[in-house]
Amino acid sequence: MNEFRDEITILKALAHPARLAILEALRQSEACVCHLEALFGWRQAYLSQQLMVLRAAGLVADRREGWNVYYRVARPEIYAVLDALDQAVPNTESLPHPAFLSSCACPQCQGKSKSDRLTLQIEVENR
């Protein structure tokens, strides 16, 4: 059974709704924890815990820029798996509605105009 160890690790990482939501949020671009906090309304500790599982499975990677840590998808091919799963099991639930994205104080969000933040919010809500 050792030959399936990597697959099992990835499937376990995908077996949580918060981790699936995080991967969907990272589908378009990288995000810092404060951005994900503003997006989902979850506590930083909870997000960090879920990101740690995704990182341990090799699905996300991070980079530090000053005080901010930005997360991105390390294995974009995982979206083929998620898309196939979405086709196989139509989901009636949607991602949690984003909180006020304007409350994200990261340089990435503060550099965007209000219309850019609204566009991002609408894109997430329509997924």
C-alpha atoms as a PDB file:
ATOM      1  CA  MET A   1       0.000   0.000   0.000  1.00  0.00           C
ATOM      2  CA  ASN A   2       2.993   2.339   0.167  1.00  0.00           C
ATOM      3  CA  GLU A   3       2.696   2.965  -3.558  1.00  0.00           C
ATOM      4  CA  PHE A   4      -0.521   4.952  -2.860  1.00  0.00           C
ATOM      5  CA  ARG A   5       0.877   7.033   0.013  1.00  0.00           C
ATOM      6  CA  ASP A   6       1.082  10.302  -1.983  1.00  0.00           C
ATOM      7  CA  GLU A   7      -2.404   9.867  -3.426  1.00  0.00           C
ATOM      8  CA  ILE A   8      -3.847   9.187   0.023  1.00  0.00           C
ATOM      9  CA  THR A   9      -2.161  12.308   1.425  1.00  0.00           C
ATOM     10  CA  ILE A  10      -3.688  14.451  -1.323  1.00  0.00           C
ATOM     11  CA  LEU A  11      -7.147  12.907  -0.956  1.00  0.00           C
ATOM     12  CA  LYS A  12      -7.062  13.447   2.813  1.00  0.00           C
ATOM     13  CA  ALA A  13      -6.117  17.076   2.251  1.00  0.00           C
ATOM     14  CA  LEU A  14      -9.073  17.488  -0.107  1.00  0.00           C
ATOM     15  CA  ALA A  15     -11.485  15.899   2.362  1.00  0.00           C
ATOM     16  CA  HIS A  16     -12.374  19.131   4.155  1.00  0.00           C
ATOM     17  CA  PRO A  17     -14.726  21.888   2.947  1.00  0.00           C
ATOM     18  CA  ALA A  18     -12.484  24.716   4.186  1.00  0.00           C
ATOM     19  CA  ARG A  19      -9.497  23.366   2.268  1.00  0.00           C
ATOM     20  CA  LEU A  20     -11.598  22.998  -0.879  1.00  0.00           C
ATOM     21  CA  ALA A  21     -12.790  26.598  -0.468  1.00  0.00           C
ATOM     22  CA  ILE A  22      -9.204  27.805  -0.004  1.00  0.00           C
ATOM     23  CA  LEU A  23      -8.095  26.016  -3.165  1.00  0.00           C
ATOM     24  CA  GLU A  24     -10.985  27.594  -5.067  1.00  0.00           C
ATOM     25  CA  ALA A  25     -10.018  31.030  -3.721  1.00  0.00           C
ATOM     26  CA  LEU A  26      -6.446  30.447  -4.898  1.00  0.00           C
ATOM     27  CA  ARG A  27      -7.574  29.312  -8.347  1.00  0.00           C
ATOM     28  CA  GLN A  28      -7.193  32.787  -9.856  1.00  0.00           C
ATOM     29  CA  SER A  29      -4.184  34.142  -7.972  1.00  0.00           C
ATOM     30  CA  GLU A  30      -2.148  33.978  -4.806  1.00  0.00           C
ATOM     31  CA  ALA A  31      -3.510  35.417  -1.577  1.00  0.00           C
ATOM     32  CA  CYS A  32      -2.224  36.278   1.865  1.00  0.00           C
ATOM     33  CA  VAL A  33      -3.815  34.970   5.045  1.00  0.00           C
ATOM     34  CA  CYS A  34      -5.344  38.370   5.821  1.00  0.00           C
ATOM     35  CA  HIS A  35      -7.004  38.331   2.404  1.00  0.00           C
ATOM     36  CA  LEU A  36      -8.406  34.841   3.044  1.00  0.00           C
ATOM     37  CA  GLU A  37      -9.602  36.030   6.475  1.00  0.00           C
ATOM     38  CA  ALA A  38     -11.474  38.911   4.839  1.00  0.00           C
ATOM     39  CA  LEU A  39     -12.786  36.625   2.113  1.00  0.00           C
ATOM     40  CA  PHE A  40     -14.210  33.907   4.354  1.00  0.00           C
ATOM     41  CA  GLY A  41     -14.550  35.551   7.764  1.00  0.00           C
ATOM     42  CA  TRP A  42     -12.521  32.758   9.398  1.00  0.00           C
ATOM     43  CA  ARG A  43      -9.946  33.267  12.158  1.00  0.00           C
ATOM     44  CA  GLN A  44      -6.283  33.439  11.203  1.00  0.00           C
ATOM     45  CA  ALA A  45      -5.430  30.396  13.346  1.00  0.00           C
ATOM     46  CA  TYR A  46      -8.070  28.276  11.592  1.00  0.00           C
ATOM     47  CA  LEU A  47      -6.858  29.344   8.143  1.00  0.00           C
ATOM     48  CA  SER A  48      -3.250  28.668   9.068  1.00  0.00           C
ATOM     49  CA  GLN A  49      -4.184  25.193  10.255  1.00  0.00           C
ATOM     50  CA  GLN A  50      -5.927  24.397   6.968  1.00  0.00           C
ATOM     51  CA  LEU A  51      -3.109  25.919   4.902  1.00  0.00           C
ATOM     52  CA  MET A  52      -0.611  23.788   6.825  1.00  0.00           C
ATOM     53  CA  VAL A  53      -2.436  20.621   5.721  1.00  0.00           C
ATOM     54  CA  LEU A  54      -2.526  21.807   2.103  1.00  0.00           C
ATOM     55  CA  ARG A  55       1.169  22.705   2.255  1.00  0.00           C
ATOM     56  CA  ALA A  56       2.091  19.330   3.789  1.00  0.00           C
ATOM     57  CA  ALA A  57       0.263  17.618   0.917  1.00  0.00           C
ATOM     58  CA  GLY A  58       2.266  19.689  -1.557  1.00  0.00           C
ATOM     59  CA  LEU A  59      -0.810  21.450  -2.914  1.00  0.00           C
ATOM     60  CA  VAL A  60       0.103  25.002  -1.869  1.00  0.00           C
ATOM     61  CA  ALA A  61       3.342  26.892  -1.486  1.00  0.00           C
ATOM     62  CA  ASP A  62       4.064  30.172   0.228  1.00  0.00           C
ATOM     63  CA  ARG A  63       6.325  33.166  -0.046  1.00  0.00           C
ATOM     64  CA  ARG A  64       7.051  35.907   2.455  1.00  0.00           C
ATOM     65  CA  GLU A  65       6.960  39.567   1.524  1.00  0.00           C
ATOM     66  CA  GLY A  66       7.646  41.715   4.559  1.00  0.00           C
ATOM     67  CA  TRP A  67       5.051  40.846   7.211  1.00  0.00           C
ATOM     68  CA  ASN A  68       2.760  39.118   4.729  1.00  0.00           C
ATOM     69  CA  VAL A  69       2.862  35.478   3.687  1.00  0.00           C
ATOM     70  CA  TYR A  70       1.303  34.801   0.304  1.00  0.00           C
ATOM     71  CA  TYR A  71      -0.072  31.384  -0.643  1.00  0.00           C
ATOM     72  CA  ARG A  72      -0.402  30.010  -4.152  1.00  0.00           C
ATOM     73  CA  VAL A  73      -1.315  26.671  -5.675  1.00  0.00           C
ATOM     74  CA  ALA A  74       1.840  24.593  -6.116  1.00  0.00           C
ATOM     75  CA  ARG A  75       0.212  21.897  -8.240  1.00  0.00           C
ATOM     76  CA  PRO A  76      -2.325  23.487 -10.591  1.00  0.00           C
ATOM     77  CA  GLU A  77      -3.188  20.055 -11.973  1.00  0.00           C
ATOM     78  CA  ILE A  78      -5.226  19.573  -8.790  1.00  0.00           C
ATOM     79  CA  TYR A  79      -7.932  21.678 -10.468  1.00  0.00           C
ATOM     80  CA  ALA A  80      -8.473  18.909 -13.017  1.00  0.00           C
ATOM     81  CA  VAL A  81      -9.273  16.629 -10.072  1.00  0.00           C
ATOM     82  CA  LEU A  82     -11.565  19.219  -8.470  1.00  0.00           C
ATOM     83  CA  ASP A  83     -13.318  19.916 -11.766  1.00  0.00           C
ATOM     84  CA  ALA A  84     -13.837  16.183 -12.360  1.00  0.00           C
ATOM     85  CA  LEU A  85     -15.201  15.836  -8.833  1.00  0.00           C
ATOM     86  CA  ASP A  86     -17.540  18.755  -9.444  1.00  0.00           C
ATOM     87  CA  GLN A  87     -18.807  17.020 -12.601  1.00  0.00           C
ATOM     88  CA  ALA A  88     -19.251  13.686 -10.817  1.00  0.00           C
ATOM     89  CA  VAL A  89     -20.969  15.112  -7.743  1.00  0.00           C
ATOM     90  CA  PRO A  90     -22.953  18.243  -8.538  1.00  0.00           C
ATOM     91  CA  ASN A  91     -22.649  20.439  -5.491  1.00  0.00           C
ATOM     92  CA  THR A  92     -25.617  22.542  -4.464  1.00  0.00           C
ATOM     93  CA  GLU A  93     -23.555  24.477  -1.943  1.00  0.00           C
ATOM     94  CA  SER A  94     -21.401  27.399  -2.942  1.00  0.00           C
ATOM     95  CA  LEU A  95     -18.322  28.903  -1.407  1.00  0.00           C
ATOM     96  CA  PRO A  96     -18.938  30.978   1.701  1.00  0.00           C
ATOM     97  CA  HIS A  97     -19.881  34.490   0.718  1.00  0.00           C
ATOM     98  CA  PRO A  98     -16.887  36.731   1.050  1.00  0.00           C
ATOM     99  CA  ALA A  99     -16.840  39.204   3.862  1.00  0.00           C
ATOM    100  CA  PHE A 100     -15.868  42.772   3.132  1.00  0.00           C
ATOM    101  CA  LEU A 101     -12.805  42.485   0.919  1.00  0.00           C
ATOM    102  CA  SER A 102     -12.108  46.141   1.580  1.00  0.00           C
ATOM    103  CA  SER A 103     -11.241  45.090   5.141  1.00  0.00           C
ATOM    104  CA  CYS A 104      -8.132  43.296   3.874  1.00  0.00           C
ATOM    105  CA  ALA A 105      -5.174  45.523   4.653  1.00  0.00           C
ATOM    106  CA  CYS A 106      -2.546  43.600   2.701  1.00  0.00           C
ATOM    107  CA  PRO A 107      -0.540  45.577   0.134  1.00  0.00           C
ATOM    108  CA  GLN A 108      -1.984  43.426  -2.647  1.00  0.00           C
ATOM    109  CA  CYS A 109      -5.570  44.427  -1.809  1.00  0.00           C
ATOM    110  CA  GLN A 110      -4.821  48.022  -0.881  1.00  0.00           C
ATOM    111  CA  GLY A 111      -3.108  48.459  -4.246  1.00  0.00           C
ATOM    112  CA  LYS A 112      -6.328  47.536  -6.022  1.00  0.00           C
ATOM    113  CA  SER A 113      -9.041  50.031  -6.739  1.00  0.00           C
ATOM    114  CA  LYS A 114     -12.463  49.658  -5.176  1.00  0.00           C
ATOM    115  CA  SER A 115     -13.855  48.481  -8.538  1.00  0.00           C
ATOM    116  CA  ASP A 116     -11.139  45.766  -8.752  1.00  0.00           C
ATOM    117  CA  ARG A 117     -12.083  44.512  -5.266  1.00  0.00           C
ATOM    118  CA  LEU A 118     -15.785  44.528  -6.211  1.00  0.00           C
ATOM    119  CA  THR A 119     -15.023  42.572  -9.403  1.00  0.00           C
ATOM    120  CA  LEU A 120     -13.091  39.974  -7.374  1.00  0.00           C
ATOM    121  CA  GLN A 121     -15.948  39.720  -4.879  1.00  0.00           C
ATOM    122  CA  ILE A 122     -18.479  39.150  -7.672  1.00  0.00           C
ATOM    123  CA  GLU A 123     -16.251  36.488  -9.274  1.00  0.00           C
ATOM    124  CA  VAL A 124     -15.989  34.580  -5.986  1.00  0.00           C
ATOM    125  CA  GLU A 125     -19.716  34.820  -5.323  1.00  0.00           C
ATOM    126  CA  ASN A 126     -20.507  33.449  -8.798  1.00  0.00           C
ATOM    127  CA  ARG A 127     -18.380  30.306  -8.396  1.00  0.00           C
END
